[in-house]
Amino acid sequence: MQKSNALNLTDVVAGYYKPTAASIAFSLALLSQLLGPDPDHILDDPLLQDRVDDALQKANIALPLVFQWETKQRLELMRRTGANDADNLTDRAVTSLYNAADNFRSMGPDAPLYKTADNLINLIMPQGVKPITSQRYENQYATINIILSLLDGPGKPAVEALNLQPFVEHLRDLNQQYGQSLTSTGNTGITYNEVQQATLTAQEAYALVILTIWTRFPFEQDRTLRNKLLAPIHEQNGRFRQHYARKSTPPRVDPQTGEFSDEEEDTLASGILTPLPINNQNLYPNLPGGFPDESHPN
């Protein structure tokens, strides 16, 4: 059987790695210069220009979402670290308050302030310290606020009688800091699904640009023009190939320069950031075939 020379789009798309939104923005900005009024312009093709513009727009929508997600993940680590420190201090303050009141009970039922201390403890911590200090951060913060309101209300006479004001104010100050550690870093409100959808939308538009170039310029006589148009994409794709030969996590890409950063402390592999929905799979991982053009960098 004679082998067909027809363009196999399955083979075309199988050679491209999933780019990050930043990589899409960089490579398509360069491609756009080849299509527009720029001095480097080599082609007038309204359809291709429209698809490049569409992919660029979608990449530029994804970029700030990716940045917000990465920032949120960094802040989440900071929040957990700060909250853990504040949690430990607050735990000690709760324990100190309990022990200070319990000291009066340790004198025995005949001691003058035994009943006052016993009533106060039963009001604010009837089951002791552990049910409070073993709660999740937000729950413990809320529980301590309830305790403080009881100490400012029905428990206030006992606090004054037992001279526990320094313990109460110390707990109040630490719980305020505790609350700040839980909220001051802020929550952008962005979700992983939003970032994933925006990124995948940009990747699909990017794939359409690649397919448009190949289908509009599929023949051997088109090779020179096709390779010029694909050069910015192939340059980035080659970088992804080299990167994924060393690492399994996505690189950080500068959308202005196209430079990759795969330093351990600056990548999603460091544990600071949660991996985005960009991986080392090809654009269409289930399709067979290799890169169909010799201009692709090894």
C-alpha atoms as a PDB file:
ATOM      1  CA  MET A   1       0.000   0.000   0.000  1.00  0.00           C
ATOM      2  CA  GLN A   2       1.346   3.437  -0.916  1.00  0.00           C
ATOM      3  CA  LYS A   3       1.999   5.653   2.089  1.00  0.00           C
ATOM      4  CA  SER A   4      -0.153   8.796   2.139  1.00  0.00           C
ATOM      5  CA  ASN A   5       1.561  12.180   2.277  1.00  0.00           C
ATOM      6  CA  ALA A   6      -1.551  13.811   3.723  1.00  0.00           C
ATOM      7  CA  LEU A   7      -1.079  15.906   6.827  1.00  0.00           C
ATOM      8  CA  ASN A   8      -1.843  13.899   9.943  1.00  0.00           C
ATOM      9  CA  LEU A   9      -3.188  16.332  12.553  1.00  0.00           C
ATOM     10  CA  THR A  10      -2.942  13.621  15.194  1.00  0.00           C
ATOM     11  CA  ASP A  11       0.818  13.589  14.714  1.00  0.00           C
ATOM     12  CA  VAL A  12       0.914  17.380  14.682  1.00  0.00           C
ATOM     13  CA  VAL A  13      -0.711  17.947  18.073  1.00  0.00           C
ATOM     14  CA  ALA A  14       1.032  15.012  19.751  1.00  0.00           C
ATOM     15  CA  GLY A  15       4.369  16.794  19.682  1.00  0.00           C
ATOM     16  CA  TYR A  16       3.385  19.808  21.758  1.00  0.00           C
ATOM     17  CA  TYR A  17       3.543  20.035  25.546  1.00  0.00           C
ATOM     18  CA  LYS A  18       0.908  21.824  27.578  1.00  0.00           C
ATOM     19  CA  PRO A  19       2.186  25.381  28.043  1.00  0.00           C
ATOM     20  CA  THR A  20       1.628  27.614  31.026  1.00  0.00           C
ATOM     21  CA  ALA A  21      -0.471  30.740  30.571  1.00  0.00           C
ATOM     22  CA  ALA A  22       2.718  32.819  30.744  1.00  0.00           C
ATOM     23  CA  SER A  23       4.355  30.775  27.997  1.00  0.00           C
ATOM     24  CA  ILE A  24       1.281  31.158  25.797  1.00  0.00           C
ATOM     25  CA  ALA A  25       1.282  34.915  26.333  1.00  0.00           C
ATOM     26  CA  PHE A  26       4.973  35.194  25.465  1.00  0.00           C
ATOM     27  CA  SER A  27       5.040  33.016  22.350  1.00  0.00           C
ATOM     28  CA  LEU A  28       1.817  34.356  20.874  1.00  0.00           C
ATOM     29  CA  ALA A  29       2.877  37.957  21.447  1.00  0.00           C
ATOM     30  CA  LEU A  30       5.883  37.222  19.238  1.00  0.00           C
ATOM     31  CA  LEU A  31       3.721  35.431  16.681  1.00  0.00           C
ATOM     32  CA  SER A  32       1.336  38.381  16.617  1.00  0.00           C
ATOM     33  CA  GLN A  33       4.210  40.628  15.532  1.00  0.00           C
ATOM     34  CA  LEU A  34       4.633  38.449  12.443  1.00  0.00           C
ATOM     35  CA  LEU A  35       0.979  38.951  11.518  1.00  0.00           C
ATOM     36  CA  GLY A  36       0.369  42.606  12.283  1.00  0.00           C
ATOM     37  CA  PRO A  37       1.771  45.968  11.178  1.00  0.00           C
ATOM     38  CA  ASP A  38       5.060  45.346  12.979  1.00  0.00           C
ATOM     39  CA  PRO A  39       8.249  45.651  10.847  1.00  0.00           C
ATOM     40  CA  ASP A  40       8.724  41.890  11.357  1.00  0.00           C
ATOM     41  CA  HIS A  41       5.355  41.242   9.699  1.00  0.00           C
ATOM     42  CA  ILE A  42       5.509  38.391   7.165  1.00  0.00           C
ATOM     43  CA  LEU A  43       1.871  37.482   6.598  1.00  0.00           C
ATOM     44  CA  ASP A  44      -1.621  38.921   6.354  1.00  0.00           C
ATOM     45  CA  ASP A  45      -4.044  36.274   7.538  1.00  0.00           C
ATOM     46  CA  PRO A  46      -7.181  37.609   9.289  1.00  0.00           C
ATOM     47  CA  LEU A  47      -8.331  34.168  10.482  1.00  0.00           C
ATOM     48  CA  LEU A  48      -4.991  33.309  12.042  1.00  0.00           C
ATOM     49  CA  GLN A  49      -4.725  36.783  13.539  1.00  0.00           C
ATOM     50  CA  ASP A  50      -8.191  36.430  15.101  1.00  0.00           C
ATOM     51  CA  ARG A  51      -7.265  33.082  16.644  1.00  0.00           C
ATOM     52  CA  VAL A  52      -3.961  34.410  17.955  1.00  0.00           C
ATOM     53  CA  ASP A  53      -5.760  37.408  19.464  1.00  0.00           C
ATOM     54  CA  ASP A  54      -8.362  35.113  21.044  1.00  0.00           C
ATOM     55  CA  ALA A  55      -5.705  32.851  22.579  1.00  0.00           C
ATOM     56  CA  LEU A  56      -3.737  35.855  23.825  1.00  0.00           C
ATOM     57  CA  GLN A  57      -6.854  37.280  25.444  1.00  0.00           C
ATOM     58  CA  LYS A  58      -7.570  33.979  27.184  1.00  0.00           C
ATOM     59  CA  ALA A  59      -3.958  33.643  28.333  1.00  0.00           C
ATOM     60  CA  ASN A  60      -4.070  37.165  29.742  1.00  0.00           C
ATOM     61  CA  ILE A  61      -7.258  36.264  31.620  1.00  0.00           C
ATOM     62  CA  ALA A  62      -5.583  33.161  33.061  1.00  0.00           C
ATOM     63  CA  LEU A  63      -2.335  34.916  34.042  1.00  0.00           C
ATOM     64  CA  PRO A  64      -3.685  37.011  36.960  1.00  0.00           C
ATOM     65  CA  LEU A  65      -5.712  34.042  38.193  1.00  0.00           C
ATOM     66  CA  VAL A  66      -2.588  31.882  38.241  1.00  0.00           C
ATOM     67  CA  PHE A  67      -0.729  34.652  40.086  1.00  0.00           C
ATOM     68  CA  GLN A  68      -3.550  35.024  42.623  1.00  0.00           C
ATOM     69  CA  TRP A  69      -3.658  31.264  43.170  1.00  0.00           C
ATOM     70  CA  GLU A  70       0.100  31.041  43.715  1.00  0.00           C
ATOM     71  CA  THR A  71      -0.056  34.020  46.073  1.00  0.00           C
ATOM     72  CA  LYS A  72      -2.950  32.432  47.946  1.00  0.00           C
ATOM     73  CA  GLN A  73      -0.949  29.239  48.362  1.00  0.00           C
ATOM     74  CA  ARG A  74       2.065  31.137  49.702  1.00  0.00           C
ATOM     75  CA  LEU A  75      -0.128  33.070  52.107  1.00  0.00           C
ATOM     76  CA  GLU A  76      -1.793  29.864  53.189  1.00  0.00           C
ATOM     77  CA  LEU A  77       1.576  28.506  54.241  1.00  0.00           C
ATOM     78  CA  MET A  78       2.305  31.762  56.078  1.00  0.00           C
ATOM     79  CA  ARG A  79      -1.141  31.626  57.643  1.00  0.00           C
ATOM     80  CA  ARG A  80      -0.624  28.080  58.864  1.00  0.00           C
ATOM     81  CA  THR A  81       2.805  28.932  60.259  1.00  0.00           C
ATOM     82  CA  GLY A  82       1.589  32.105  61.980  1.00  0.00           C
ATOM     83  CA  ALA A  83      -1.597  30.455  63.227  1.00  0.00           C
ATOM     84  CA  ASN A  84       0.355  27.551  64.665  1.00  0.00           C
ATOM     85  CA  ASP A  85       2.565  29.905  66.658  1.00  0.00           C
ATOM     86  CA  ALA A  86      -0.455  31.892  67.839  1.00  0.00           C
ATOM     87  CA  ASP A  87      -2.289  28.668  68.660  1.00  0.00           C
ATOM     88  CA  ASN A  88       0.529  27.504  70.933  1.00  0.00           C
ATOM     89  CA  LEU A  89       0.602  30.825  72.792  1.00  0.00           C
ATOM     90  CA  THR A  90      -3.179  30.850  73.162  1.00  0.00           C
ATOM     91  CA  ASP A  91      -3.172  27.261  74.427  1.00  0.00           C
ATOM     92  CA  ARG A  92      -0.743  28.255  77.158  1.00  0.00           C
ATOM     93  CA  ALA A  93      -2.855  31.291  78.084  1.00  0.00           C
ATOM     94  CA  VAL A  94      -5.999  29.135  78.378  1.00  0.00           C
ATOM     95  CA  THR A  95      -4.101  26.686  80.558  1.00  0.00           C
ATOM     96  CA  SER A  96      -2.685  29.473  82.723  1.00  0.00           C
ATOM     97  CA  LEU A  97      -6.140  30.930  83.308  1.00  0.00           C
ATOM     98  CA  TYR A  98      -7.542  27.529  84.199  1.00  0.00           C
ATOM     99  CA  ASN A  99      -4.664  26.740  86.574  1.00  0.00           C
ATOM    100  CA  ALA A 100      -4.899  30.128  88.258  1.00  0.00           C
ATOM    101  CA  ALA A 101      -8.573  29.546  89.034  1.00  0.00           C
ATOM    102  CA  ASP A 102      -8.030  25.902  89.906  1.00  0.00           C
ATOM    103  CA  ASN A 103      -5.391  26.846  92.482  1.00  0.00           C
ATOM    104  CA  PHE A 104      -8.213  28.152  94.671  1.00  0.00           C
ATOM    105  CA  ARG A 105     -10.055  24.839  94.373  1.00  0.00           C
ATOM    106  CA  SER A 106      -6.899  22.960  95.324  1.00  0.00           C
ATOM    107  CA  MET A 107      -7.110  24.583  98.766  1.00  0.00           C
ATOM    108  CA  GLY A 108     -10.120  22.411  99.490  1.00  0.00           C
ATOM    109  CA  PRO A 109     -13.873  22.972  99.874  1.00  0.00           C
ATOM    110  CA  ASP A 110     -13.399  24.836 103.144  1.00  0.00           C
ATOM    111  CA  ALA A 111     -11.235  27.560 101.573  1.00  0.00           C
ATOM    112  CA  PRO A 112     -12.989  30.952 101.364  1.00  0.00           C
ATOM    113  CA  LEU A 113     -12.812  31.256  97.561  1.00  0.00           C
ATOM    114  CA  TYR A 114     -13.258  27.594  96.691  1.00  0.00           C
ATOM    115  CA  LYS A 115     -16.905  27.956  95.688  1.00  0.00           C
ATOM    116  CA  THR A 116     -16.187  31.096  93.649  1.00  0.00           C
ATOM    117  CA  ALA A 117     -13.412  29.368  91.720  1.00  0.00           C
ATOM    118  CA  ASP A 118     -15.433  26.195  91.245  1.00  0.00           C
ATOM    119  CA  ASN A 119     -18.400  28.089  89.852  1.00  0.00           C
ATOM    120  CA  LEU A 120     -16.189  30.062  87.473  1.00  0.00           C
ATOM    121  CA  ILE A 121     -14.452  26.977  86.116  1.00  0.00           C
ATOM    122  CA  ASN A 122     -17.780  25.231  85.623  1.00  0.00           C
ATOM    123  CA  LEU A 123     -18.988  28.308  83.763  1.00  0.00           C
ATOM    124  CA  ILE A 124     -16.100  28.687  81.322  1.00  0.00           C
ATOM    125  CA  MET A 125     -14.271  25.321  81.173  1.00  0.00           C
ATOM    126  CA  PRO A 126     -16.412  22.640  82.802  1.00  0.00           C
ATOM    127  CA  GLN A 127     -14.506  19.830  81.038  1.00  0.00           C
ATOM    128  CA  GLY A 128     -11.068  21.334  81.495  1.00  0.00           C
ATOM    129  CA  VAL A 129      -8.570  22.740  79.020  1.00  0.00           C
ATOM    130  CA  LYS A 130      -8.170  19.950  76.478  1.00  0.00           C
ATOM    131  CA  PRO A 131     -11.593  20.210  74.774  1.00  0.00           C
ATOM    132  CA  ILE A 132     -10.692  23.828  73.986  1.00  0.00           C
ATOM    133  CA  THR A 133      -7.040  23.567  73.001  1.00  0.00           C
ATOM    134  CA  SER A 134      -7.585  20.486  70.823  1.00  0.00           C
ATOM    135  CA  GLN A 135     -10.045  22.224  68.500  1.00  0.00           C
ATOM    136  CA  ARG A 136      -9.279  23.350  64.948  1.00  0.00           C
ATOM    137  CA  TYR A 137      -7.865  26.850  64.680  1.00  0.00           C
ATOM    138  CA  GLU A 138     -11.066  28.687  63.722  1.00  0.00           C
ATOM    139  CA  ASN A 139     -13.184  26.729  66.203  1.00  0.00           C
ATOM    140  CA  GLN A 140     -10.771  27.358  69.065  1.00  0.00           C
ATOM    141  CA  TYR A 141     -10.670  31.081  68.254  1.00  0.00           C
ATOM    142  CA  ALA A 142     -14.480  31.225  68.346  1.00  0.00           C
ATOM    143  CA  THR A 143     -14.676  29.195  71.573  1.00  0.00           C
ATOM    144  CA  ILE A 144     -12.219  31.492  73.342  1.00  0.00           C
ATOM    145  CA  ASN A 145     -14.274  34.497  72.272  1.00  0.00           C
ATOM    146  CA  ILE A 146     -17.298  32.873  73.921  1.00  0.00           C
ATOM    147  CA  ILE A 147     -15.256  32.259  77.086  1.00  0.00           C
ATOM    148  CA  LEU A 148     -14.108  35.882  77.111  1.00  0.00           C
ATOM    149  CA  SER A 149     -17.711  37.079  76.801  1.00  0.00           C
ATOM    150  CA  LEU A 150     -18.628  34.911  79.811  1.00  0.00           C
ATOM    151  CA  LEU A 151     -15.679  36.309  81.751  1.00  0.00           C
ATOM    152  CA  ASP A 152     -16.829  39.847  80.889  1.00  0.00           C
ATOM    153  CA  GLY A 153     -20.433  39.011  81.845  1.00  0.00           C
ATOM    154  CA  PRO A 154     -21.618  36.547  84.471  1.00  0.00           C
ATOM    155  CA  GLY A 155     -18.094  35.508  85.395  1.00  0.00           C
ATOM    156  CA  LYS A 156     -16.785  39.024  85.995  1.00  0.00           C
ATOM    157  CA  PRO A 157     -17.436  39.135  89.793  1.00  0.00           C
ATOM    158  CA  ALA A 158     -15.501  35.884  90.209  1.00  0.00           C
ATOM    159  CA  VAL A 159     -12.635  37.176  88.036  1.00  0.00           C
ATOM    160  CA  GLU A 160     -12.347  40.233  90.266  1.00  0.00           C
ATOM    161  CA  ALA A 161     -12.659  38.243  93.474  1.00  0.00           C
ATOM    162  CA  LEU A 162      -9.905  35.837  92.377  1.00  0.00           C
ATOM    163  CA  ASN A 163      -7.727  38.618  90.874  1.00  0.00           C
ATOM    164  CA  LEU A 164      -7.655  36.858  87.518  1.00  0.00           C
ATOM    165  CA  GLN A 165      -7.802  40.052  85.426  1.00  0.00           C
ATOM    166  CA  PRO A 166      -4.160  39.741  84.187  1.00  0.00           C
ATOM    167  CA  PHE A 167      -4.828  36.200  82.960  1.00  0.00           C
ATOM    168  CA  VAL A 168      -8.050  37.254  81.247  1.00  0.00           C
ATOM    169  CA  GLU A 169      -6.473  40.248  79.503  1.00  0.00           C
ATOM    170  CA  HIS A 170      -3.471  38.177  78.451  1.00  0.00           C
ATOM    171  CA  LEU A 171      -5.823  35.626  76.895  1.00  0.00           C
ATOM    172  CA  ARG A 172      -7.816  38.398  75.221  1.00  0.00           C
ATOM    173  CA  ASP A 173      -4.693  39.926  73.641  1.00  0.00           C
ATOM    174  CA  LEU A 174      -3.388  36.587  72.405  1.00  0.00           C
ATOM    175  CA  ASN A 175      -6.748  35.539  70.983  1.00  0.00           C
ATOM    176  CA  GLN A 176      -6.949  38.804  69.090  1.00  0.00           C
ATOM    177  CA  GLN A 177      -3.532  38.063  67.591  1.00  0.00           C
ATOM    178  CA  TYR A 178      -4.748  34.531  66.916  1.00  0.00           C
ATOM    179  CA  GLY A 179      -7.679  35.872  64.924  1.00  0.00           C
ATOM    180  CA  GLN A 180      -5.414  38.193  62.959  1.00  0.00           C
ATOM    181  CA  SER A 181      -3.152  35.287  62.049  1.00  0.00           C
ATOM    182  CA  LEU A 182      -6.175  33.491  60.630  1.00  0.00           C
ATOM    183  CA  THR A 183      -7.439  36.385  58.550  1.00  0.00           C
ATOM    184  CA  SER A 184      -4.769  39.055  57.995  1.00  0.00           C
ATOM    185  CA  THR A 185      -3.098  37.245  55.114  1.00  0.00           C
ATOM    186  CA  GLY A 186      -6.384  37.445  53.280  1.00  0.00           C
ATOM    187  CA  ASN A 187      -8.213  35.040  51.039  1.00  0.00           C
ATOM    188  CA  THR A 188      -8.490  35.987  47.398  1.00  0.00           C
ATOM    189  CA  GLY A 189     -11.610  33.882  47.080  1.00  0.00           C
ATOM    190  CA  ILE A 190     -10.231  32.279  43.949  1.00  0.00           C
ATOM    191  CA  THR A 191     -10.686  28.548  43.566  1.00  0.00           C
ATOM    192  CA  TYR A 192      -8.534  25.875  41.982  1.00  0.00           C
ATOM    193  CA  ASN A 193     -11.317  25.116  39.502  1.00  0.00           C
ATOM    194  CA  GLU A 194     -11.356  28.723  38.295  1.00  0.00           C
ATOM    195  CA  VAL A 195      -7.605  28.660  37.666  1.00  0.00           C
ATOM    196  CA  GLN A 196      -7.830  25.267  36.009  1.00  0.00           C
ATOM    197  CA  GLN A 197     -10.668  26.287  33.706  1.00  0.00           C
ATOM    198  CA  ALA A 198      -9.000  29.547  32.656  1.00  0.00           C
ATOM    199  CA  THR A 199      -5.716  27.758  31.980  1.00  0.00           C
ATOM    200  CA  LEU A 200      -7.324  24.965  29.994  1.00  0.00           C
ATOM    201  CA  THR A 201      -9.336  27.476  27.971  1.00  0.00           C
ATOM    202  CA  ALA A 202      -6.129  29.302  27.052  1.00  0.00           C
ATOM    203  CA  GLN A 203      -4.424  26.015  26.193  1.00  0.00           C
ATOM    204  CA  GLU A 204      -7.283  25.000  23.889  1.00  0.00           C
ATOM    205  CA  ALA A 205      -7.150  28.348  22.080  1.00  0.00           C
ATOM    206  CA  TYR A 206      -3.374  27.959  21.799  1.00  0.00           C
ATOM    207  CA  ALA A 207      -3.787  24.494  20.287  1.00  0.00           C
ATOM    208  CA  LEU A 208      -6.222  25.943  17.758  1.00  0.00           C
ATOM    209  CA  VAL A 209      -3.581  28.474  16.679  1.00  0.00           C
ATOM    210  CA  ILE A 210      -1.085  25.666  16.101  1.00  0.00           C
ATOM    211  CA  LEU A 211      -3.608  23.617  14.125  1.00  0.00           C
ATOM    212  CA  THR A 212      -4.581  26.668  12.083  1.00  0.00           C
ATOM    213  CA  ILE A 213      -0.980  27.232  11.014  1.00  0.00           C
ATOM    214  CA  TRP A 214      -0.531  23.589  10.090  1.00  0.00           C
ATOM    215  CA  THR A 215      -3.796  23.303   8.163  1.00  0.00           C
ATOM    216  CA  ARG A 216      -3.280  26.572   6.273  1.00  0.00           C
ATOM    217  CA  PHE A 217       0.357  25.815   5.436  1.00  0.00           C
ATOM    218  CA  PRO A 218       0.602  22.007   5.295  1.00  0.00           C
ATOM    219  CA  PHE A 219       2.811  21.370   2.275  1.00  0.00           C
ATOM    220  CA  GLU A 220       6.536  21.072   1.752  1.00  0.00           C
ATOM    221  CA  GLN A 221       6.602  24.346  -0.153  1.00  0.00           C
ATOM    222  CA  ASP A 222       5.048  25.988   2.927  1.00  0.00           C
ATOM    223  CA  ARG A 223       7.803  24.770   5.237  1.00  0.00           C
ATOM    224  CA  THR A 224       9.801  28.017   5.429  1.00  0.00           C
ATOM    225  CA  LEU A 225       6.774  30.207   6.174  1.00  0.00           C
ATOM    226  CA  ARG A 226       5.272  27.645   8.535  1.00  0.00           C
ATOM    227  CA  ASN A 227       8.488  27.345  10.501  1.00  0.00           C
ATOM    228  CA  LYS A 228       8.791  31.123  10.842  1.00  0.00           C
ATOM    229  CA  LEU A 229       5.244  31.331  12.195  1.00  0.00           C
ATOM    230  CA  LEU A 230       5.757  28.423  14.564  1.00  0.00           C
ATOM    231  CA  ALA A 231       9.241  29.476  15.704  1.00  0.00           C
ATOM    232  CA  PRO A 232       8.100  31.296  18.910  1.00  0.00           C
ATOM    233  CA  ILE A 233       5.895  28.326  19.817  1.00  0.00           C
ATOM    234  CA  HIS A 234       8.582  25.771  19.016  1.00  0.00           C
ATOM    235  CA  GLU A 235      11.156  27.663  21.080  1.00  0.00           C
ATOM    236  CA  GLN A 236       8.933  27.496  24.152  1.00  0.00           C
ATOM    237  CA  ASN A 237       7.910  23.914  23.424  1.00  0.00           C
ATOM    238  CA  GLY A 238      11.569  22.890  23.286  1.00  0.00           C
ATOM    239  CA  ARG A 239      12.124  24.482  26.673  1.00  0.00           C
ATOM    240  CA  PHE A 240       9.224  22.520  28.103  1.00  0.00           C
ATOM    241  CA  ARG A 241      10.672  19.309  26.705  1.00  0.00           C
ATOM    242  CA  GLN A 242      14.060  20.022  28.291  1.00  0.00           C
ATOM    243  CA  HIS A 243      12.442  21.071  31.571  1.00  0.00           C
ATOM    244  CA  TYR A 244      10.323  17.938  31.870  1.00  0.00           C
ATOM    245  CA  ALA A 245      13.344  15.779  31.180  1.00  0.00           C
ATOM    246  CA  ARG A 246      14.585  17.006  34.585  1.00  0.00           C
ATOM    247  CA  LYS A 247      11.430  17.751  36.558  1.00  0.00           C
ATOM    248  CA  SER A 248       7.833  16.618  36.768  1.00  0.00           C
ATOM    249  CA  THR A 249       6.367  19.938  37.907  1.00  0.00           C
ATOM    250  CA  PRO A 250       5.624  22.977  35.711  1.00  0.00           C
ATOM    251  CA  PRO A 251       8.273  25.678  35.387  1.00  0.00           C
ATOM    252  CA  ARG A 252       7.762  29.313  36.244  1.00  0.00           C
ATOM    253  CA  VAL A 253       7.753  31.258  32.963  1.00  0.00           C
ATOM    254  CA  ASP A 254       8.226  35.007  32.619  1.00  0.00           C
ATOM    255  CA  PRO A 255       5.471  36.210  30.229  1.00  0.00           C
ATOM    256  CA  GLN A 256       7.632  39.166  29.159  1.00  0.00           C
ATOM    257  CA  THR A 257      10.881  37.332  28.382  1.00  0.00           C
ATOM    258  CA  GLY A 258       9.853  33.699  28.013  1.00  0.00           C
ATOM    259  CA  GLU A 259      12.602  32.704  30.447  1.00  0.00           C
ATOM    260  CA  PHE A 260      12.074  29.571  32.504  1.00  0.00           C
ATOM    261  CA  SER A 261      12.833  29.290  36.184  1.00  0.00           C
ATOM    262  CA  ASP A 262      13.155  25.799  37.601  1.00  0.00           C
ATOM    263  CA  GLU A 263      15.130  26.586  40.721  1.00  0.00           C
ATOM    264  CA  GLU A 264      13.878  24.334  43.503  1.00  0.00           C
ATOM    265  CA  GLU A 265      12.782  27.207  45.699  1.00  0.00           C
ATOM    266  CA  ASP A 266      10.969  28.875  42.816  1.00  0.00           C
ATOM    267  CA  THR A 267       8.858  26.019  41.522  1.00  0.00           C
ATOM    268  CA  LEU A 268       5.651  24.285  42.447  1.00  0.00           C
ATOM    269  CA  ALA A 269       7.756  21.286  43.469  1.00  0.00           C
ATOM    270  CA  SER A 270       9.020  23.153  46.513  1.00  0.00           C
ATOM    271  CA  GLY A 271       5.806  22.468  48.400  1.00  0.00           C
ATOM    272  CA  ILE A 272       5.070  26.167  48.782  1.00  0.00           C
ATOM    273  CA  LEU A 273       2.615  26.093  45.915  1.00  0.00           C
ATOM    274  CA  THR A 274      -0.009  23.603  44.900  1.00  0.00           C
ATOM    275  CA  PRO A 275       0.600  22.318  41.352  1.00  0.00           C
ATOM    276  CA  LEU A 276      -1.541  24.011  38.760  1.00  0.00           C
ATOM    277  CA  PRO A 277      -3.478  22.012  36.158  1.00  0.00           C
ATOM    278  CA  ILE A 278      -0.507  22.123  33.796  1.00  0.00           C
ATOM    279  CA  ASN A 279       1.571  19.006  33.635  1.00  0.00           C
ATOM    280  CA  ASN A 280       4.195  17.283  31.591  1.00  0.00           C
ATOM    281  CA  GLN A 281       1.699  15.588  29.349  1.00  0.00           C
ATOM    282  CA  ASN A 282       1.404  16.497  25.695  1.00  0.00           C
ATOM    283  CA  LEU A 283      -1.450  18.720  24.623  1.00  0.00           C
ATOM    284  CA  TYR A 284      -3.362  15.576  23.628  1.00  0.00           C
ATOM    285  CA  PRO A 285      -1.650  12.807  25.612  1.00  0.00           C
ATOM    286  CA  ASN A 286      -3.671   9.919  24.175  1.00  0.00           C
ATOM    287  CA  LEU A 287      -2.783  10.637  20.574  1.00  0.00           C
ATOM    288  CA  PRO A 288       0.165   8.803  18.996  1.00  0.00           C
ATOM    289  CA  GLY A 289       2.931  10.241  16.892  1.00  0.00           C
ATOM    290  CA  GLY A 290       5.867  12.555  17.260  1.00  0.00           C
ATOM    291  CA  PHE A 291       6.723  16.076  16.306  1.00  0.00           C
ATOM    292  CA  PRO A 292       6.130  16.391  12.576  1.00  0.00           C
ATOM    293  CA  ASP A 293       8.519  19.171  11.692  1.00  0.00           C
ATOM    294  CA  GLU A 294      12.286  19.244  11.759  1.00  0.00           C
ATOM    295  CA  SER A 295      12.331  22.789  13.086  1.00  0.00           C
ATOM    296  CA  HIS A 296      11.329  21.562  16.510  1.00  0.00           C
ATOM    297  CA  PRO A 297      14.248  21.974  18.925  1.00  0.00           C
ATOM    298  CA  ASN A 298      15.506  18.819  20.569  1.00  0.00           C
END
